[in-house]
């Protein structure tokens, strides 16, 4: 059978517990190494950080020296929409402009009656309750822009700028 050692006071000897010091030292060194590696990479000491800094400075100079983007703004005819949902007559006055690349300005102006029709149809389907949410204008603008982009074709309209959006 297994022999047990007895101590001087007659009790059995318990096995010695291993020290946790190597684990703690390893953890501290791993954290320090990770932090040092992060600092070295982000400051440019390794992995060519200086080249990235030079490229960023060059890009900034180009942004400031570039001319205005080649865009045109096409005005959409003002719309007066009667809103449904309440017994009282409420109206929405809407006016917008489309931001288009200069090369597509003539195409978008030619399709403007279709754009007005799509916007008119969408806005007439709205109820007054749809406009009470504080984030409604952002959602409506995104919906209208998507519809306009479908009508005019991909890449012809960059943005829809709302100039007037008043509910009476």
N, C-alpha and C. Protein backbone atom coordinates (compact mmCIF):
# COMPACT_ATOMS: atom_id res chain seq x y z
N UNK A 1 0.82 -1.16 0.00
CA UNK A 1 0.00 0.00 0.00
C UNK A 1 0.87 1.23 0.00
N UNK A 2 0.26 2.32 -0.13
CA UNK A 2 0.99 3.57 -0.18
C UNK A 2 1.43 3.97 1.20
N UNK A 3 2.66 4.34 1.26
CA UNK A 3 3.18 4.77 2.54
C UNK A 3 2.97 6.26 2.68
N UNK A 4 2.60 6.67 3.84
CA UNK A 4 2.44 8.09 4.11
C UNK A 4 3.49 8.49 5.11
N UNK A 5 4.05 9.62 4.85
CA UNK A 5 5.05 10.11 5.79
C UNK A 5 4.35 10.82 6.92
N UNK A 6 4.89 10.62 8.05
CA UNK A 6 4.32 11.31 9.20
C UNK A 6 5.30 12.37 9.64
N UNK A 7 4.75 13.44 10.09
CA UNK A 7 5.59 14.52 10.60
C UNK A 7 5.87 14.29 12.05
N UNK A 8 6.67 15.16 12.62
CA UNK A 8 7.07 15.00 14.01
C UNK A 8 5.89 15.05 14.95
N UNK A 9 4.88 15.84 14.59
CA UNK A 9 3.74 15.95 15.49
C UNK A 9 2.72 14.85 15.22
N UNK A 10 3.00 13.93 14.31
CA UNK A 10 2.15 12.78 14.11
C UNK A 10 1.13 12.95 13.00
N UNK A 11 1.02 14.11 12.34
CA UNK A 11 0.03 14.33 11.26
C UNK A 11 0.62 13.91 9.92
N UNK A 12 -0.25 13.69 8.97
CA UNK A 12 0.21 13.32 7.64
C UNK A 12 0.69 14.56 6.90
N UNK A 13 1.68 14.38 6.05
CA UNK A 13 2.26 15.48 5.28
C UNK A 13 1.38 15.75 4.06
N UNK A 14 0.93 16.99 3.87
CA UNK A 14 0.13 17.35 2.70
C UNK A 14 1.06 17.69 1.56
N UNK A 15 0.67 17.42 0.31
CA UNK A 15 1.56 17.74 -0.82
C UNK A 15 1.74 19.25 -0.93
N UNK A 16 2.96 19.63 -1.34
CA UNK A 16 3.25 21.06 -1.47
C UNK A 16 2.50 21.63 -2.66
N UNK A 17 1.95 22.85 -2.49
CA UNK A 17 1.25 23.53 -3.58
C UNK A 17 2.30 24.21 -4.46
N UNK A 18 2.07 24.13 -5.77
CA UNK A 18 3.01 24.78 -6.68
C UNK A 18 2.80 26.29 -6.65
N UNK A 19 3.83 27.01 -6.92
CA UNK A 19 3.79 28.47 -6.86
C UNK A 19 3.09 29.03 -8.09
N UNK A 20 2.32 30.09 -7.91
CA UNK A 20 1.63 30.76 -9.03
C UNK A 20 2.45 31.92 -9.58
N UNK A 21 3.63 32.09 -9.04
CA UNK A 21 4.48 33.20 -9.46
C UNK A 21 4.85 33.13 -10.95
N UNK A 22 5.21 31.97 -11.52
CA UNK A 22 5.53 31.94 -12.96
C UNK A 22 4.33 32.34 -13.83
N UNK A 23 3.13 31.98 -13.44
CA UNK A 23 1.94 32.35 -14.18
C UNK A 23 1.74 33.86 -14.16
N UNK A 24 1.91 34.46 -13.00
CA UNK A 24 1.73 35.91 -12.87
C UNK A 24 2.80 36.65 -13.66
N UNK A 25 4.04 36.20 -13.60
CA UNK A 25 5.12 36.84 -14.35
C UNK A 25 4.87 36.73 -15.85
N UNK A 26 4.41 35.56 -16.30
CA UNK A 26 4.10 35.36 -17.72
C UNK A 26 2.99 36.29 -18.19
N UNK A 27 1.96 36.45 -17.37
CA UNK A 27 0.85 37.33 -17.72
C UNK A 27 1.30 38.78 -17.82
N UNK A 28 2.10 39.23 -16.86
CA UNK A 28 2.60 40.61 -16.87
C UNK A 28 3.48 40.85 -18.09
N UNK A 29 4.34 39.90 -18.41
CA UNK A 29 5.21 40.05 -19.58
C UNK A 29 4.41 40.06 -20.88
N UNK A 30 3.36 39.24 -20.97
CA UNK A 30 2.52 39.22 -22.17
C UNK A 30 1.81 40.56 -22.36
N UNK A 31 1.29 41.12 -21.29
CA UNK A 31 0.61 42.41 -21.38
C UNK A 31 1.60 43.51 -21.77
N UNK A 32 2.78 43.50 -21.15
CA UNK A 32 3.80 44.50 -21.48
C UNK A 32 4.25 44.36 -22.93
N UNK A 33 4.44 43.15 -23.40
CA UNK A 33 4.84 42.92 -24.78
C UNK A 33 3.78 43.37 -25.77
N UNK A 34 2.52 43.09 -25.45
CA UNK A 34 1.43 43.52 -26.33
C UNK A 34 1.34 45.04 -26.39
N UNK A 35 1.46 45.68 -25.24
CA UNK A 35 1.41 47.15 -25.20
C UNK A 35 2.57 47.77 -25.95
N UNK A 36 3.78 47.19 -25.78
CA UNK A 36 4.95 47.70 -26.49
C UNK A 36 4.82 47.50 -27.99
N UNK A 37 4.29 46.36 -28.40
CA UNK A 37 4.09 46.11 -29.83
C UNK A 37 3.08 47.06 -30.44
N UNK A 38 2.00 47.33 -29.70
CA UNK A 38 1.00 48.28 -30.19
C UNK A 38 1.60 49.66 -30.34
N UNK A 39 2.36 50.09 -29.34
CA UNK A 39 2.98 51.42 -29.40
C UNK A 39 3.94 51.51 -30.57
N UNK A 40 4.75 50.46 -30.76
CA UNK A 40 5.74 50.47 -31.85
C UNK A 40 5.05 50.53 -33.21
N UNK A 41 3.96 49.80 -33.38
CA UNK A 41 3.26 49.79 -34.66
C UNK A 41 2.53 51.11 -34.90
N UNK A 42 1.90 51.65 -33.88
CA UNK A 42 1.12 52.88 -34.07
C UNK A 42 1.99 54.11 -34.20
N UNK A 43 3.18 54.11 -33.57
CA UNK A 43 4.06 55.27 -33.66
C UNK A 43 4.92 55.24 -34.92
N UNK A 44 4.95 54.11 -35.60
CA UNK A 44 5.70 54.01 -36.84
C UNK A 44 7.09 53.45 -36.68
N UNK A 45 7.44 52.96 -35.51
CA UNK A 45 8.76 52.38 -35.32
C UNK A 45 8.94 51.13 -36.16
N UNK A 46 7.85 50.39 -36.35
CA UNK A 46 7.90 49.19 -37.19
C UNK A 46 6.77 49.27 -38.20
N UNK A 47 6.84 48.47 -39.23
CA UNK A 47 5.82 48.37 -40.27
C UNK A 47 5.66 49.64 -41.08
N UNK A 48 6.68 50.47 -41.16
CA UNK A 48 6.66 51.63 -42.06
C UNK A 48 5.62 52.67 -41.72
N UNK A 49 5.44 53.02 -40.50
CA UNK A 49 4.46 54.01 -40.10
C UNK A 49 4.74 55.38 -40.68
N UNK A 50 6.05 55.71 -40.93
CA UNK A 50 6.40 57.01 -41.48
C UNK A 50 5.85 57.18 -42.89
N UNK A 51 5.85 56.10 -43.65
CA UNK A 51 5.33 56.18 -45.01
C UNK A 51 3.85 56.50 -44.99
N UNK A 52 3.12 55.91 -44.03
CA UNK A 52 1.69 56.20 -43.93
C UNK A 52 1.46 57.65 -43.54
N UNK A 53 2.29 58.18 -42.67
CA UNK A 53 2.13 59.57 -42.25
C UNK A 53 2.38 60.50 -43.42
N UNK A 54 3.38 60.18 -44.26
CA UNK A 54 3.66 61.01 -45.43
C UNK A 54 2.51 60.95 -46.42
N UNK A 55 1.93 59.75 -46.63
CA UNK A 55 0.80 59.62 -47.54
C UNK A 55 -0.40 60.40 -47.03
N UNK A 56 -0.66 60.35 -45.72
CA UNK A 56 -1.77 61.09 -45.15
C UNK A 56 -1.58 62.59 -45.34
N UNK A 57 -0.36 63.08 -45.15
CA UNK A 57 -0.09 64.51 -45.34
C UNK A 57 -0.27 64.89 -46.80
N UNK A 58 0.15 64.01 -47.71
CA UNK A 58 -0.01 64.28 -49.15
C UNK A 58 -1.49 64.30 -49.53
N UNK A 59 -2.28 63.36 -48.98
CA UNK A 59 -3.72 63.32 -49.25
C UNK A 59 -4.40 64.58 -48.75
N UNK A 60 -3.99 65.07 -47.58
CA UNK A 60 -4.58 66.30 -47.03
C UNK A 60 -4.29 67.48 -47.93
N UNK A 61 -3.06 67.56 -48.46
CA UNK A 61 -2.72 68.66 -49.36
C UNK A 61 -3.56 68.60 -50.62
N UNK A 62 -3.79 67.39 -51.15
CA UNK A 62 -4.61 67.25 -52.35
C UNK A 62 -6.04 67.66 -52.09
N UNK A 63 -6.56 67.32 -50.91
CA UNK A 63 -7.95 67.68 -50.60
C UNK A 63 -8.11 69.19 -50.55
N UNK A 64 -7.13 69.90 -50.00
CA UNK A 64 -7.24 71.34 -49.90
C UNK A 64 -6.98 72.03 -51.23
N UNK A 65 -6.21 71.40 -52.12
CA UNK A 65 -5.88 72.04 -53.38
C UNK A 65 -6.85 71.67 -54.49
N UNK A 66 -7.70 70.66 -54.28
CA UNK A 66 -8.64 70.26 -55.32
C UNK A 66 -9.72 71.31 -55.51
N UNK A 67 -10.20 71.38 -56.73
CA UNK A 67 -11.29 72.28 -57.04
C UNK A 67 -12.60 71.68 -56.54
N UNK A 68 -13.63 72.43 -56.62
CA UNK A 68 -14.94 71.95 -56.21
C UNK A 68 -15.33 70.74 -57.05
N UNK A 69 -16.11 69.82 -56.48
CA UNK A 69 -16.51 68.64 -57.26
C UNK A 69 -17.40 69.06 -58.43
N UNK A 70 -17.35 68.26 -59.46
CA UNK A 70 -18.13 68.54 -60.67
C UNK A 70 -19.56 68.05 -60.49
N UNK A 71 -20.34 68.83 -59.78
CA UNK A 71 -21.74 68.49 -59.58
C UNK A 71 -22.61 69.68 -59.97
N UNK A 72 -23.83 69.37 -60.27
CA UNK A 72 -24.83 70.39 -60.55
C UNK A 72 -26.04 70.10 -59.69
N UNK A 73 -26.85 71.12 -59.47
CA UNK A 73 -28.06 70.96 -58.68
C UNK A 73 -29.26 71.22 -59.58
N UNK A 74 -30.13 70.23 -59.64
CA UNK A 74 -31.33 70.32 -60.46
C UNK A 74 -32.51 70.52 -59.53
N UNK A 75 -33.23 71.62 -59.72
CA UNK A 75 -34.37 71.94 -58.85
C UNK A 75 -35.57 71.09 -59.23
N UNK A 76 -36.20 70.54 -58.21
CA UNK A 76 -37.45 69.79 -58.40
C UNK A 76 -38.59 70.77 -58.18
N UNK A 77 -39.61 70.71 -59.03
CA UNK A 77 -40.74 71.62 -58.88
C UNK A 77 -41.34 71.50 -57.48
N UNK A 78 -41.73 72.61 -56.87
CA UNK A 78 -42.34 72.54 -55.54
C UNK A 78 -43.64 71.73 -55.58
N UNK A 79 -43.88 70.99 -54.51
CA UNK A 79 -45.08 70.15 -54.41
C UNK A 79 -45.91 70.61 -53.22
N UNK A 80 -47.22 70.57 -53.38
CA UNK A 80 -48.15 70.83 -52.29
C UNK A 80 -49.01 69.57 -52.17
N UNK A 81 -48.85 68.85 -51.09
CA UNK A 81 -49.48 67.54 -50.89
C UNK A 81 -50.50 67.65 -49.78
N UNK A 82 -51.72 67.14 -50.02
CA UNK A 82 -52.71 67.06 -48.94
C UNK A 82 -52.49 65.74 -48.21
N UNK A 83 -52.37 65.82 -46.90
CA UNK A 83 -52.08 64.64 -46.08
C UNK A 83 -53.36 64.00 -45.60
N UNK A 84 -53.39 62.69 -45.53
CA UNK A 84 -54.54 61.97 -45.02
C UNK A 84 -54.28 61.56 -43.58
N UNK A 85 -55.30 61.08 -42.91
CA UNK A 85 -55.12 60.57 -41.56
C UNK A 85 -55.88 61.36 -40.52
N UNK A 86 -56.27 62.56 -40.79
CA UNK A 86 -57.03 63.36 -39.84
C UNK A 86 -58.20 64.01 -40.57
N UNK A 87 -59.18 64.41 -39.79
CA UNK A 87 -60.35 65.04 -40.41
C UNK A 87 -60.03 66.45 -40.91
N UNK A 88 -59.11 67.13 -40.24
CA UNK A 88 -58.75 68.48 -40.66
C UNK A 88 -57.83 68.42 -41.86
N UNK A 89 -57.90 69.41 -42.69
CA UNK A 89 -57.06 69.46 -43.88
C UNK A 89 -55.66 69.91 -43.50
N UNK A 90 -54.71 69.05 -43.74
CA UNK A 90 -53.32 69.41 -43.55
C UNK A 90 -52.60 69.24 -44.86
N UNK A 91 -51.63 70.12 -45.08
CA UNK A 91 -50.89 70.10 -46.33
C UNK A 91 -49.39 70.07 -46.03
N UNK A 92 -48.69 69.48 -46.95
CA UNK A 92 -47.23 69.43 -46.88
C UNK A 92 -46.69 70.22 -48.06
N UNK A 93 -45.87 71.22 -47.75
CA UNK A 93 -45.15 71.95 -48.80
C UNK A 93 -43.77 71.34 -48.89
N UNK A 94 -43.40 70.92 -50.09
CA UNK A 94 -42.14 70.23 -50.28
C UNK A 94 -41.41 70.83 -51.47
N UNK A 95 -40.13 71.11 -51.25
CA UNK A 95 -39.27 71.61 -52.32
C UNK A 95 -37.90 70.97 -52.13
N UNK A 96 -37.29 70.53 -53.23
CA UNK A 96 -36.01 69.83 -53.13
C UNK A 96 -35.15 70.13 -54.35
N UNK A 97 -33.89 69.75 -54.23
CA UNK A 97 -32.95 69.81 -55.35
C UNK A 97 -32.18 68.50 -55.40
N UNK A 98 -31.80 68.11 -56.59
CA UNK A 98 -31.06 66.87 -56.79
C UNK A 98 -29.60 67.22 -57.09
N UNK A 99 -28.69 66.57 -56.39
CA UNK A 99 -27.27 66.73 -56.68
C UNK A 99 -26.89 65.67 -57.70
N UNK A 100 -26.44 66.12 -58.86
CA UNK A 100 -26.11 65.20 -59.96
C UNK A 100 -24.72 65.53 -60.50
N UNK A 101 -24.00 64.53 -61.03
CA UNK A 101 -22.74 64.82 -61.71
C UNK A 101 -23.02 65.67 -62.95
N UNK A 102 -22.10 66.56 -63.29
CA UNK A 102 -22.31 67.46 -64.43
C UNK A 102 -22.60 66.71 -65.72
N UNK A 103 -21.96 65.58 -65.92
CA UNK A 103 -22.16 64.84 -67.17
C UNK A 103 -23.57 64.25 -67.29
N UNK A 104 -24.29 64.13 -66.17
CA UNK A 104 -25.65 63.56 -66.22
C UNK A 104 -26.74 64.61 -66.00
N UNK A 105 -26.38 65.87 -65.94
CA UNK A 105 -27.36 66.91 -65.64
C UNK A 105 -28.47 66.94 -66.69
N UNK A 106 -28.14 66.88 -67.96
CA UNK A 106 -29.16 66.93 -69.02
C UNK A 106 -30.09 65.73 -68.94
N UNK A 107 -29.54 64.55 -68.65
CA UNK A 107 -30.36 63.34 -68.55
C UNK A 107 -31.37 63.46 -67.41
N UNK A 108 -30.91 63.96 -66.26
CA UNK A 108 -31.79 64.07 -65.11
C UNK A 108 -32.86 65.14 -65.35
N UNK A 109 -32.48 66.25 -65.98
CA UNK A 109 -33.47 67.29 -66.29
C UNK A 109 -34.53 66.77 -67.25
N UNK A 110 -34.12 65.89 -68.17
CA UNK A 110 -35.09 65.31 -69.10
C UNK A 110 -36.07 64.38 -68.36
N UNK A 111 -35.60 63.71 -67.32
CA UNK A 111 -36.44 62.78 -66.56
C UNK A 111 -37.15 63.44 -65.37
N UNK A 112 -37.06 64.75 -65.25
CA UNK A 112 -37.63 65.45 -64.11
C UNK A 112 -39.14 65.23 -63.93
N UNK A 113 -39.95 65.18 -65.00
CA UNK A 113 -41.38 64.89 -64.78
C UNK A 113 -41.61 63.53 -64.09
N UNK A 114 -40.81 62.53 -64.43
CA UNK A 114 -40.94 61.23 -63.76
C UNK A 114 -40.52 61.32 -62.29
N UNK A 115 -39.49 62.10 -62.03
CA UNK A 115 -39.02 62.29 -60.65
C UNK A 115 -40.12 62.94 -59.82
N UNK A 116 -40.75 63.99 -60.37
CA UNK A 116 -41.83 64.67 -59.66
C UNK A 116 -42.98 63.71 -59.41
N UNK A 117 -43.29 62.88 -60.38
CA UNK A 117 -44.38 61.92 -60.24
C UNK A 117 -44.08 60.92 -59.12
N UNK A 118 -42.85 60.41 -59.08
CA UNK A 118 -42.48 59.44 -58.05
C UNK A 118 -42.55 60.09 -56.66
N UNK A 119 -42.01 61.30 -56.53
CA UNK A 119 -42.04 61.98 -55.24
C UNK A 119 -43.47 62.31 -54.82
N UNK A 120 -44.28 62.76 -55.77
CA UNK A 120 -45.67 63.09 -55.49
C UNK A 120 -46.43 61.84 -55.02
N UNK A 121 -46.23 60.74 -55.70
CA UNK A 121 -46.92 59.49 -55.32
C UNK A 121 -46.49 59.03 -53.93
N UNK A 122 -45.21 59.11 -53.65
CA UNK A 122 -44.71 58.67 -52.34
C UNK A 122 -45.23 59.57 -51.23
N UNK A 123 -45.15 60.86 -51.42
CA UNK A 123 -45.57 61.79 -50.37
C UNK A 123 -47.08 61.76 -50.14
N UNK A 124 -47.86 61.49 -51.18
CA UNK A 124 -49.32 61.39 -51.01
C UNK A 124 -49.71 60.16 -50.21
N UNK A 125 -48.89 59.14 -50.22
CA UNK A 125 -49.18 57.91 -49.48
C UNK A 125 -48.90 58.08 -47.98
N UNK A 126 -48.22 59.14 -47.60
CA UNK A 126 -47.90 59.36 -46.19
C UNK A 126 -49.11 59.86 -45.43
N UNK A 127 -49.13 59.55 -44.15
CA UNK A 127 -50.14 60.08 -43.25
C UNK A 127 -49.46 61.05 -42.30
N UNK A 128 -50.26 61.86 -41.64
CA UNK A 128 -49.71 62.84 -40.70
C UNK A 128 -48.91 62.16 -39.60
N UNK A 129 -49.34 60.99 -39.19
CA UNK A 129 -48.64 60.26 -38.13
C UNK A 129 -47.23 59.86 -38.56
N UNK A 130 -47.02 59.68 -39.86
CA UNK A 130 -45.69 59.33 -40.37
C UNK A 130 -44.68 60.46 -40.19
N UNK A 131 -45.18 61.67 -40.02
CA UNK A 131 -44.30 62.84 -39.95
C UNK A 131 -44.03 63.31 -38.53
N UNK A 132 -44.63 62.68 -37.53
CA UNK A 132 -44.49 63.15 -36.15
C UNK A 132 -43.21 62.67 -35.49
N UNK A 133 -42.62 61.60 -35.97
CA UNK A 133 -41.38 61.07 -35.40
C UNK A 133 -40.24 62.04 -35.69
N UNK A 134 -39.39 62.32 -34.69
CA UNK A 134 -38.27 63.25 -34.92
C UNK A 134 -37.31 62.78 -36.02
N UNK A 135 -37.16 61.49 -36.21
CA UNK A 135 -36.25 60.99 -37.24
C UNK A 135 -36.97 60.73 -38.56
N UNK A 136 -38.18 61.21 -38.69
CA UNK A 136 -38.97 60.93 -39.90
C UNK A 136 -38.33 61.54 -41.14
N UNK A 137 -37.80 62.74 -41.03
CA UNK A 137 -37.25 63.40 -42.20
C UNK A 137 -36.06 62.64 -42.78
N UNK A 138 -35.24 62.07 -41.92
CA UNK A 138 -34.09 61.29 -42.39
C UNK A 138 -34.57 60.04 -43.13
N UNK A 139 -35.54 59.37 -42.57
CA UNK A 139 -36.09 58.16 -43.19
C UNK A 139 -36.78 58.49 -44.51
N UNK A 140 -37.57 59.56 -44.53
CA UNK A 140 -38.28 59.95 -45.75
C UNK A 140 -37.30 60.36 -46.84
N UNK A 141 -36.27 61.07 -46.46
CA UNK A 141 -35.27 61.51 -47.43
C UNK A 141 -34.58 60.31 -48.07
N UNK A 142 -34.24 59.32 -47.28
CA UNK A 142 -33.61 58.12 -47.81
C UNK A 142 -34.54 57.37 -48.76
N UNK A 143 -35.82 57.29 -48.40
CA UNK A 143 -36.80 56.62 -49.25
C UNK A 143 -36.98 57.36 -50.58
N UNK A 144 -37.06 58.69 -50.49
CA UNK A 144 -37.24 59.47 -51.71
C UNK A 144 -36.00 59.39 -52.60
N UNK A 145 -34.82 59.46 -52.02
CA UNK A 145 -33.59 59.37 -52.80
C UNK A 145 -33.52 58.03 -53.53
N UNK A 146 -33.86 56.96 -52.84
CA UNK A 146 -33.82 55.64 -53.48
C UNK A 146 -34.79 55.57 -54.66
N UNK A 147 -35.97 56.12 -54.50
CA UNK A 147 -36.95 56.11 -55.60
C UNK A 147 -36.46 56.95 -56.78
N UNK A 148 -35.86 58.08 -56.50
CA UNK A 148 -35.34 58.94 -57.57
C UNK A 148 -34.20 58.24 -58.29
N UNK A 149 -33.34 57.56 -57.56
CA UNK A 149 -32.24 56.84 -58.20
C UNK A 149 -32.73 55.71 -59.08
N UNK A 150 -33.82 55.08 -58.70
CA UNK A 150 -34.39 54.02 -59.54
C UNK A 150 -34.93 54.61 -60.83
N UNK A 151 -35.61 55.76 -60.75
CA UNK A 151 -36.19 56.39 -61.93
C UNK A 151 -35.11 56.90 -62.88
N UNK A 152 -34.09 57.55 -62.34
CA UNK A 152 -33.08 58.18 -63.19
C UNK A 152 -31.98 57.23 -63.64
N UNK A 153 -31.78 56.17 -62.93
CA UNK A 153 -30.72 55.23 -63.28
C UNK A 153 -29.59 55.32 -62.28
N UNK A 154 -28.84 54.25 -62.16
CA UNK A 154 -27.77 54.16 -61.17
C UNK A 154 -26.65 55.15 -61.50
N UNK A 155 -26.19 55.87 -60.47
CA UNK A 155 -25.07 56.78 -60.61
C UNK A 155 -25.41 58.15 -61.17
N UNK A 156 -26.66 58.44 -61.42
CA UNK A 156 -27.01 59.74 -62.00
C UNK A 156 -27.41 60.77 -60.96
N UNK A 157 -27.87 60.32 -59.78
CA UNK A 157 -28.23 61.25 -58.71
C UNK A 157 -27.43 60.86 -57.47
N UNK A 158 -26.64 61.82 -56.97
CA UNK A 158 -25.83 61.57 -55.78
C UNK A 158 -26.61 61.76 -54.50
N UNK A 159 -27.47 62.79 -54.48
CA UNK A 159 -28.14 63.13 -53.22
C UNK A 159 -29.41 63.89 -53.51
N UNK A 160 -30.31 63.87 -52.54
CA UNK A 160 -31.54 64.65 -52.57
C UNK A 160 -31.46 65.65 -51.44
N UNK A 161 -31.49 66.92 -51.77
CA UNK A 161 -31.40 67.98 -50.78
C UNK A 161 -32.79 68.56 -50.55
N UNK A 162 -33.27 68.48 -49.33
CA UNK A 162 -34.60 69.00 -49.02
C UNK A 162 -34.46 70.47 -48.69
N UNK A 163 -35.10 71.30 -49.46
CA UNK A 163 -35.02 72.75 -49.28
C UNK A 163 -36.18 73.27 -48.42
N UNK A 164 -37.34 72.61 -48.54
CA UNK A 164 -38.51 73.03 -47.76
C UNK A 164 -39.36 71.80 -47.45
N UNK A 165 -39.74 71.67 -46.20
CA UNK A 165 -40.57 70.55 -45.75
C UNK A 165 -41.43 71.07 -44.62
N UNK A 166 -42.61 71.61 -44.97
CA UNK A 166 -43.45 72.29 -44.00
C UNK A 166 -44.83 71.64 -44.01
N UNK A 167 -45.30 71.28 -42.81
CA UNK A 167 -46.65 70.73 -42.66
C UNK A 167 -47.53 71.84 -42.09
N UNK A 168 -48.59 72.19 -42.81
CA UNK A 168 -49.56 73.21 -42.35
C UNK A 168 -50.78 72.53 -41.81
